[in-house]
N, C-alpha and C. Protein backbone atom coordinates (compact mmCIF):
# COMPACT_ATOMS: atom_id res chain seq x y z
N MET A 1 0.93 -1.16 -0.18
CA MET A 1 -0.17 -0.18 -0.26
C MET A 1 0.67 1.32 -0.28
N LYS A 2 0.54 2.25 -0.37
CA LYS A 2 1.18 3.26 -0.71
C LYS A 2 0.92 4.37 0.35
N ILE A 3 1.85 4.86 1.10
CA ILE A 3 1.95 5.51 2.31
C ILE A 3 0.84 7.01 1.97
N LEU A 4 0.96 7.24 1.21
CA LEU A 4 0.06 8.67 0.76
C LEU A 4 -1.05 8.63 -0.07
N ALA A 5 -1.70 7.36 -0.05
CA ALA A 5 -2.59 6.76 -1.06
C ALA A 5 -4.06 7.37 -0.20
N GLY A 6 -4.65 8.42 -1.32
CA GLY A 6 -5.88 9.23 -0.65
C GLY A 6 -5.72 10.47 -0.25
N ILE A 7 -4.47 10.97 -0.27
CA ILE A 7 -3.95 12.28 0.06
C ILE A 7 -3.81 12.61 -1.07
N SER A 8 -4.37 14.34 -1.00
CA SER A 8 -3.74 15.47 -2.05
C SER A 8 -2.92 16.57 -1.64
N ILE A 9 -2.28 16.70 -2.26
CA ILE A 9 -0.71 17.73 -1.98
C ILE A 9 -0.68 18.56 -3.11
N LEU A 10 -0.63 19.60 -2.79
CA LEU A 10 -0.04 21.05 -3.23
C LEU A 10 1.41 21.32 -3.14
N VAL A 11 2.04 21.15 -4.24
CA VAL A 11 3.56 21.50 -4.34
C VAL A 11 3.62 22.96 -4.62
N VAL A 12 4.21 23.61 -4.46
CA VAL A 12 4.95 24.83 -4.47
C VAL A 12 6.50 25.61 -4.36
N GLU A 13 6.98 25.39 -5.74
CA GLU A 13 8.50 25.56 -5.96
C GLU A 13 8.71 25.87 -7.42
N ASP A 14 9.31 27.28 -7.21
CA ASP A 14 9.93 27.76 -8.22
C ASP A 14 11.10 27.32 -9.36
N ASP A 15 11.61 26.68 -8.36
CA ASP A 15 12.71 25.57 -9.26
C ASP A 15 12.24 24.27 -9.72
N ASP A 16 12.26 24.38 -11.04
CA ASP A 16 11.35 23.28 -12.14
C ASP A 16 11.87 22.10 -11.57
N ALA A 17 13.16 21.43 -11.69
CA ALA A 17 13.67 20.64 -11.41
C ALA A 17 13.48 19.93 -10.04
N LEU A 18 13.38 20.46 -8.58
CA LEU A 18 13.32 20.34 -7.77
C LEU A 18 11.80 20.23 -7.80
N ARG A 19 10.86 20.91 -8.38
CA ARG A 19 9.71 20.90 -7.98
C ARG A 19 8.95 19.40 -8.91
N GLU A 20 9.85 18.90 -10.06
CA GLU A 20 8.94 18.10 -10.69
C GLU A 20 10.06 16.60 -9.60
N SER A 21 10.81 16.41 -9.22
CA SER A 21 11.02 15.75 -8.19
C SER A 21 10.30 15.60 -7.03
N ILE A 22 10.15 16.72 -6.12
CA ILE A 22 9.40 16.48 -5.28
C ILE A 22 7.85 15.84 -5.72
N VAL A 23 7.22 15.97 -6.93
CA VAL A 23 6.08 15.86 -7.18
C VAL A 23 6.17 14.46 -7.63
N GLU A 24 7.19 13.84 -8.46
CA GLU A 24 7.54 12.32 -8.51
C GLU A 24 7.64 11.91 -7.37
N MET A 25 8.19 12.25 -6.19
CA MET A 25 8.51 11.58 -4.97
C MET A 25 6.81 11.57 -4.16
N PHE A 26 6.12 12.43 -4.39
CA PHE A 26 4.61 12.13 -3.49
C PHE A 26 3.90 11.60 -4.52
N ASP A 27 4.33 11.66 -6.00
CA ASP A 27 3.51 10.79 -6.67
C ASP A 27 3.46 9.29 -6.81
N TYR A 28 4.73 8.95 -6.63
CA TYR A 28 5.03 7.59 -6.48
C TYR A 28 4.77 7.25 -4.96
N ALA A 29 4.47 7.86 -4.12
CA ALA A 29 3.88 7.44 -2.77
C ALA A 29 2.45 6.92 -2.88
N GLY A 30 1.95 7.50 -3.68
CA GLY A 30 0.31 7.65 -3.96
C GLY A 30 -0.72 8.50 -3.80
N ALA A 31 -0.03 9.57 -3.49
CA ALA A 31 -0.81 11.10 -3.19
C ALA A 31 -0.99 11.62 -4.64
N LYS A 32 -2.34 12.51 -4.69
CA LYS A 32 -3.11 13.09 -5.77
C LYS A 32 -1.84 14.37 -5.79
N VAL A 33 -1.19 14.77 -6.84
CA VAL A 33 0.22 15.80 -6.72
C VAL A 33 -0.55 16.87 -7.74
N PHE A 34 -0.80 18.49 -7.01
CA PHE A 34 -0.54 19.74 -8.16
C PHE A 34 0.23 20.15 -7.63
N ASN A 35 1.15 21.09 -8.63
CA ASN A 35 1.80 21.78 -8.49
C ASN A 35 1.82 23.41 -9.14
N VAL A 36 2.45 24.08 -8.66
CA VAL A 36 3.14 25.61 -9.20
C VAL A 36 3.92 26.02 -8.72
N ASP A 37 4.49 27.07 -9.59
CA ASP A 37 5.85 27.66 -9.36
C ASP A 37 6.04 28.86 -8.21
N ASN A 38 5.08 29.38 -7.66
CA ASN A 38 4.84 30.60 -6.92
C ASN A 38 3.32 30.75 -6.09
N GLY A 39 3.71 31.36 -4.61
CA GLY A 39 2.99 31.30 -4.23
C GLY A 39 1.63 32.09 -4.10
N LYS A 40 1.26 32.86 -5.58
CA LYS A 40 0.06 33.89 -5.90
C LYS A 40 -0.76 33.07 -6.44
N ASP A 41 -0.04 31.88 -7.94
CA ASP A 41 -0.71 30.63 -7.94
C ASP A 41 -1.38 29.80 -7.00
N ALA A 42 -0.73 29.57 -6.25
CA ALA A 42 -0.98 28.57 -5.08
C ALA A 42 -2.20 29.33 -4.21
N LEU A 43 -2.23 30.14 -4.43
CA LEU A 43 -3.57 31.02 -3.24
C LEU A 43 -4.63 30.78 -4.27
N ASP A 44 -4.27 31.10 -5.24
CA ASP A 44 -5.71 31.04 -6.49
C ASP A 44 -6.17 29.54 -6.34
N MET A 45 -5.15 28.76 -6.48
CA MET A 45 -5.70 27.30 -6.35
C MET A 45 -6.17 26.68 -4.84
N VAL A 46 -6.13 26.96 -3.95
CA VAL A 46 -6.63 26.79 -2.85
C VAL A 46 -7.68 27.26 -2.46
N SER A 47 -8.30 28.54 -3.32
CA SER A 47 -9.31 29.14 -3.35
C SER A 47 -10.08 28.52 -3.84
N THR A 48 -10.22 27.71 -4.98
CA THR A 48 -11.24 26.75 -6.00
C THR A 48 -10.74 25.42 -5.31
N GLN A 49 -9.94 24.62 -4.52
CA GLN A 49 -9.93 23.54 -4.42
C GLN A 49 -9.39 23.20 -3.00
N SER A 50 -9.55 22.25 -2.36
CA SER A 50 -8.90 21.49 -1.27
C SER A 50 -7.72 20.36 -0.94
N PHE A 51 -6.82 21.31 -0.49
CA PHE A 51 -5.86 20.12 -0.18
C PHE A 51 -5.70 19.90 0.86
N ASP A 52 -4.88 18.70 1.22
CA ASP A 52 -5.01 17.44 2.50
C ASP A 52 -3.73 18.07 2.72
N ILE A 53 -2.32 18.84 2.01
CA ILE A 53 -1.14 19.12 2.26
C ILE A 53 -0.50 20.05 1.56
N VAL A 54 -0.19 20.87 2.12
CA VAL A 54 0.86 22.45 1.25
C VAL A 54 2.10 22.52 1.62
N PHE A 55 3.04 22.04 0.57
CA PHE A 55 4.56 21.85 0.82
C PHE A 55 5.12 22.90 -0.14
N SER A 56 5.53 23.87 0.72
CA SER A 56 5.55 24.73 -0.27
C SER A 56 7.54 25.57 0.22
N ASP A 57 8.25 25.87 -0.87
CA ASP A 57 9.43 26.86 -0.66
C ASP A 57 8.92 28.05 -0.27
N VAL A 58 10.07 28.52 0.32
CA VAL A 58 9.94 29.67 1.02
C VAL A 58 10.30 30.92 0.44
N ARG A 59 11.48 30.66 -0.43
CA ARG A 59 11.61 32.11 -1.34
C ARG A 59 11.40 31.62 -2.72
N MET A 60 10.28 32.43 -3.57
CA MET A 60 10.10 32.73 -4.96
C MET A 60 9.15 33.75 -5.35
N GLY A 61 9.22 33.87 -6.52
CA GLY A 61 8.90 34.99 -6.92
C GLY A 61 7.41 35.06 -7.37
N LYS A 62 6.40 36.18 -7.25
CA LYS A 62 5.17 36.15 -7.46
C LYS A 62 4.43 35.22 -6.15
N GLY A 63 5.39 36.00 -4.51
CA GLY A 63 4.04 35.32 -4.01
C GLY A 63 5.30 34.07 -3.25
N ASP A 64 6.06 35.01 -2.05
CA ASP A 64 7.05 33.60 -1.22
C ASP A 64 6.07 32.99 -0.53
N GLY A 65 6.47 31.79 0.09
CA GLY A 65 5.95 31.02 1.02
C GLY A 65 5.29 31.15 2.43
N ILE A 66 5.91 32.48 3.12
CA ILE A 66 5.74 32.70 4.07
C ILE A 66 4.43 33.32 4.05
N THR A 67 4.39 34.63 2.89
CA THR A 67 3.01 34.95 2.86
C THR A 67 1.68 33.78 2.59
N LEU A 68 2.16 32.94 1.45
CA LEU A 68 1.20 31.69 1.47
C LEU A 68 0.88 31.13 2.32
N MET A 69 1.49 30.78 3.54
CA MET A 69 1.37 30.05 4.76
C MET A 69 0.14 31.44 5.96
N LYS A 70 0.82 32.55 5.64
CA LYS A 70 -0.29 33.01 6.67
C LYS A 70 -1.60 33.33 6.16
N GLN A 71 -1.46 33.39 4.71
CA GLN A 71 -3.26 33.51 4.23
C GLN A 71 -3.93 32.10 4.32
N LEU A 72 -3.49 31.16 4.13
CA LEU A 72 -3.66 29.78 4.52
C LEU A 72 -4.06 29.59 6.03
N ALA A 73 -3.81 30.45 7.22
CA ALA A 73 -3.90 30.75 8.61
C ALA A 73 -5.13 31.13 8.58
N LEU A 74 -5.38 32.10 7.66
CA LEU A 74 -6.53 33.03 7.92
C LEU A 74 -7.78 32.55 7.33
N ARG A 75 -7.75 31.58 6.61
CA ARG A 75 -8.86 30.89 5.75
C ARG A 75 -9.73 30.22 6.37
N PRO A 76 -11.01 30.51 6.45
CA PRO A 76 -12.02 30.01 7.58
C PRO A 76 -12.14 28.17 6.99
N GLY A 77 -12.58 27.45 7.90
CA GLY A 77 -12.83 26.20 7.75
C GLY A 77 -11.73 25.38 7.71
N PRO A 78 -11.75 24.34 7.39
CA PRO A 78 -10.58 23.25 7.46
C PRO A 78 -9.50 23.90 6.83
N LYS A 79 -8.32 23.24 7.46
CA LYS A 79 -6.92 23.90 6.41
C LYS A 79 -5.90 22.77 6.20
N PRO A 80 -5.58 22.67 5.55
CA PRO A 80 -4.34 22.10 5.13
C PRO A 80 -3.36 21.69 6.08
N LEU A 81 -2.59 20.70 6.13
CA LEU A 81 -1.71 20.50 6.76
C LEU A 81 -0.79 20.96 5.96
N CYS A 82 0.62 22.18 6.82
CA CYS A 82 1.05 22.91 5.71
C CYS A 82 2.86 22.54 6.24
N PHE A 83 3.41 22.36 5.45
CA PHE A 83 5.19 22.51 5.45
C PHE A 83 5.96 23.36 4.53
N LEU A 84 6.93 23.94 4.76
CA LEU A 84 7.81 24.55 4.17
C LEU A 84 9.08 23.85 4.03
N CYS A 85 9.51 24.46 2.60
CA CYS A 85 11.46 24.01 2.63
C CYS A 85 11.96 25.05 2.44
N THR A 86 13.27 25.25 2.83
CA THR A 86 14.02 26.72 2.63
C THR A 86 15.10 26.46 2.31
N GLY A 87 16.30 26.87 1.59
CA GLY A 87 18.00 26.43 1.34
C GLY A 87 18.45 27.94 2.00
N HIS A 88 17.52 28.78 3.11
CA HIS A 88 18.05 29.51 3.47
C HIS A 88 17.51 29.82 4.87
N ALA A 89 17.94 30.14 5.88
CA ALA A 89 17.63 30.56 7.35
C ALA A 89 16.49 31.80 7.68
N ASP A 90 15.38 31.33 6.69
CA ASP A 90 14.14 32.75 6.42
C ASP A 90 12.80 32.56 7.51
N ILE A 91 13.32 31.44 8.20
CA ILE A 91 12.06 31.22 9.35
C ILE A 91 12.68 30.08 10.54
N SER A 92 12.42 30.69 11.36
CA SER A 92 12.79 29.47 12.65
C SER A 92 11.30 28.61 12.59
N GLU A 93 11.62 27.23 13.13
CA GLU A 93 10.69 26.92 13.97
C GLU A 93 9.70 27.25 14.51
N PRO A 94 9.79 28.11 15.31
CA PRO A 94 8.81 28.45 16.26
C PRO A 94 7.89 29.47 15.54
N GLU A 95 8.54 30.57 14.68
CA GLU A 95 7.63 31.39 13.77
C GLU A 95 6.90 30.58 12.97
N ALA A 96 7.58 29.69 12.34
CA ALA A 96 6.47 28.74 11.34
C ALA A 96 5.21 28.18 11.92
N LEU A 97 5.80 27.59 13.11
CA LEU A 97 4.17 26.78 14.17
C LEU A 97 3.52 27.97 14.70
N GLN A 98 3.49 29.20 14.95
CA GLN A 98 2.86 30.35 14.79
C GLN A 98 1.74 30.38 13.77
N MET A 99 2.52 29.90 12.60
CA MET A 99 1.60 30.12 11.20
C MET A 99 0.93 29.30 10.79
N GLY A 100 1.10 27.91 11.61
CA GLY A 100 0.42 26.69 11.62
C GLY A 100 1.19 25.71 10.66
N VAL A 101 2.51 26.14 10.43
CA VAL A 101 3.02 25.31 9.23
C VAL A 101 3.77 24.21 10.39
N LEU A 102 3.66 22.88 10.08
CA LEU A 102 4.13 22.00 11.27
C LEU A 102 5.47 21.75 10.86
N LYS A 103 6.23 22.09 9.54
CA LYS A 103 7.50 21.38 9.87
C LYS A 103 8.14 22.42 8.73
N VAL A 104 9.53 23.13 8.99
CA VAL A 104 10.38 23.45 8.12
C VAL A 104 11.22 22.44 7.52
N PHE A 105 12.00 22.27 6.20
CA PHE A 105 12.36 21.63 6.11
C PHE A 105 13.32 22.04 5.46
N ALA A 106 14.97 21.73 5.65
CA ALA A 106 16.05 22.54 4.89
C ALA A 106 16.41 21.97 3.84
N LYS A 107 16.88 22.79 2.70
CA LYS A 107 17.27 22.06 1.52
C LYS A 107 18.80 21.97 1.64
N PRO A 108 19.64 20.56 1.10
CA PRO A 108 18.79 19.75 0.81
C PRO A 108 18.09 19.13 1.52
N PHE A 109 16.77 18.33 1.61
CA PHE A 109 16.41 17.17 2.41
C PHE A 109 16.47 16.42 1.55
N LYS A 110 16.34 14.88 3.00
CA LYS A 110 16.29 13.61 2.42
C LYS A 110 14.52 13.28 2.02
N PRO A 111 14.49 12.45 1.33
CA PRO A 111 13.02 12.18 1.05
C PRO A 111 12.10 11.30 2.38
N ALA A 112 13.04 10.49 2.78
CA ALA A 112 12.96 9.73 4.01
C ALA A 112 12.48 10.16 4.89
N HIS A 113 12.92 11.33 5.55
CA HIS A 113 12.18 12.58 6.57
C HIS A 113 11.62 13.27 6.41
N ILE A 114 11.15 13.48 4.82
CA ILE A 114 9.91 14.30 4.66
C ILE A 114 8.47 13.36 4.87
N PHE A 115 8.46 12.06 4.76
CA PHE A 115 7.57 11.14 4.73
C PHE A 115 7.60 11.08 6.23
N GLU A 116 8.73 10.69 6.62
CA GLU A 116 8.56 10.63 8.12
C GLU A 116 7.68 11.56 9.10
N GLU A 117 7.57 12.78 8.73
CA GLU A 117 7.00 13.91 9.17
C GLU A 117 5.63 14.16 8.72
N LEU A 118 5.66 13.80 7.52
CA LEU A 118 4.55 13.83 7.09
C LEU A 118 3.61 12.53 7.48
N GLN A 119 4.06 11.47 7.93
CA GLN A 119 2.98 10.58 7.97
C GLN A 119 3.15 10.76 9.49
N LYS A 120 3.78 11.36 9.93
CA LYS A 120 3.78 11.65 11.72
C LYS A 120 2.70 12.56 11.78
N SER A 121 2.28 13.78 10.97
CA SER A 121 1.34 14.77 11.15
C SER A 121 -0.12 14.29 10.42
N ILE A 122 -0.18 13.54 9.80
CA ILE A 122 -1.34 12.72 9.28
C ILE A 122 -1.89 12.01 10.44
N ASP A 123 -0.77 11.29 10.74
CA ASP A 123 -1.95 10.12 12.02
C ASP A 123 -1.99 11.26 13.00
N LEU A 124 -1.29 12.37 13.63
CA LEU A 124 -1.88 13.17 14.80
C LEU A 124 -2.94 13.68 14.25
N ASN A 125 -3.24 13.76 13.02
CA ASN A 125 -4.28 15.05 12.45
C ASN A 125 -5.53 14.08 12.35
N LEU A 126 -5.35 12.76 11.87
CA LEU A 126 -6.47 12.11 12.02
C LEU A 126 -7.04 11.16 13.93
N LYS A 127 -6.66 11.31 14.73
CA LYS A 127 -6.17 11.33 15.74
C LYS A 127 -7.16 12.26 16.43
N LYS A 128 -6.80 13.45 15.76
CA LYS A 128 -7.72 14.82 16.76
C LYS A 128 -9.10 14.69 15.97
N SER A 129 -9.37 14.22 14.70
CA SER A 129 -10.50 14.61 13.77
C SER A 129 -11.49 13.15 14.63
N GLY A 130 -10.76 12.26 14.82
CA GLY A 130 -11.38 10.76 15.18
C GLY A 130 -11.90 10.50 16.56
């Protein structure tokens, strides 16, 4: 069984090669994956679709990941599980937690670490809702 079967994920990353790798990684794990290359387009997508997880870069043109996460936190109703990735020291874990981000991954990251953290967050979220 694929570990992310039935999970919808929005990947937001401006580096084309990295975005494709992340999409392939989540797709291989069974997720239904959508992707955009900036925060503005991500906000447009979340206004018309719901996602279980949003996995976003921090630094991007046309809307950064921090602004995206702040906007997602302000939206009414159920919220996706949110994760950030960055190659810089843009945001600390405590700052991220205040915005509803569950984990900040430093680039380069290991897929196994991402899956481990996503699984923990999914399991915890299911316990809270069930």
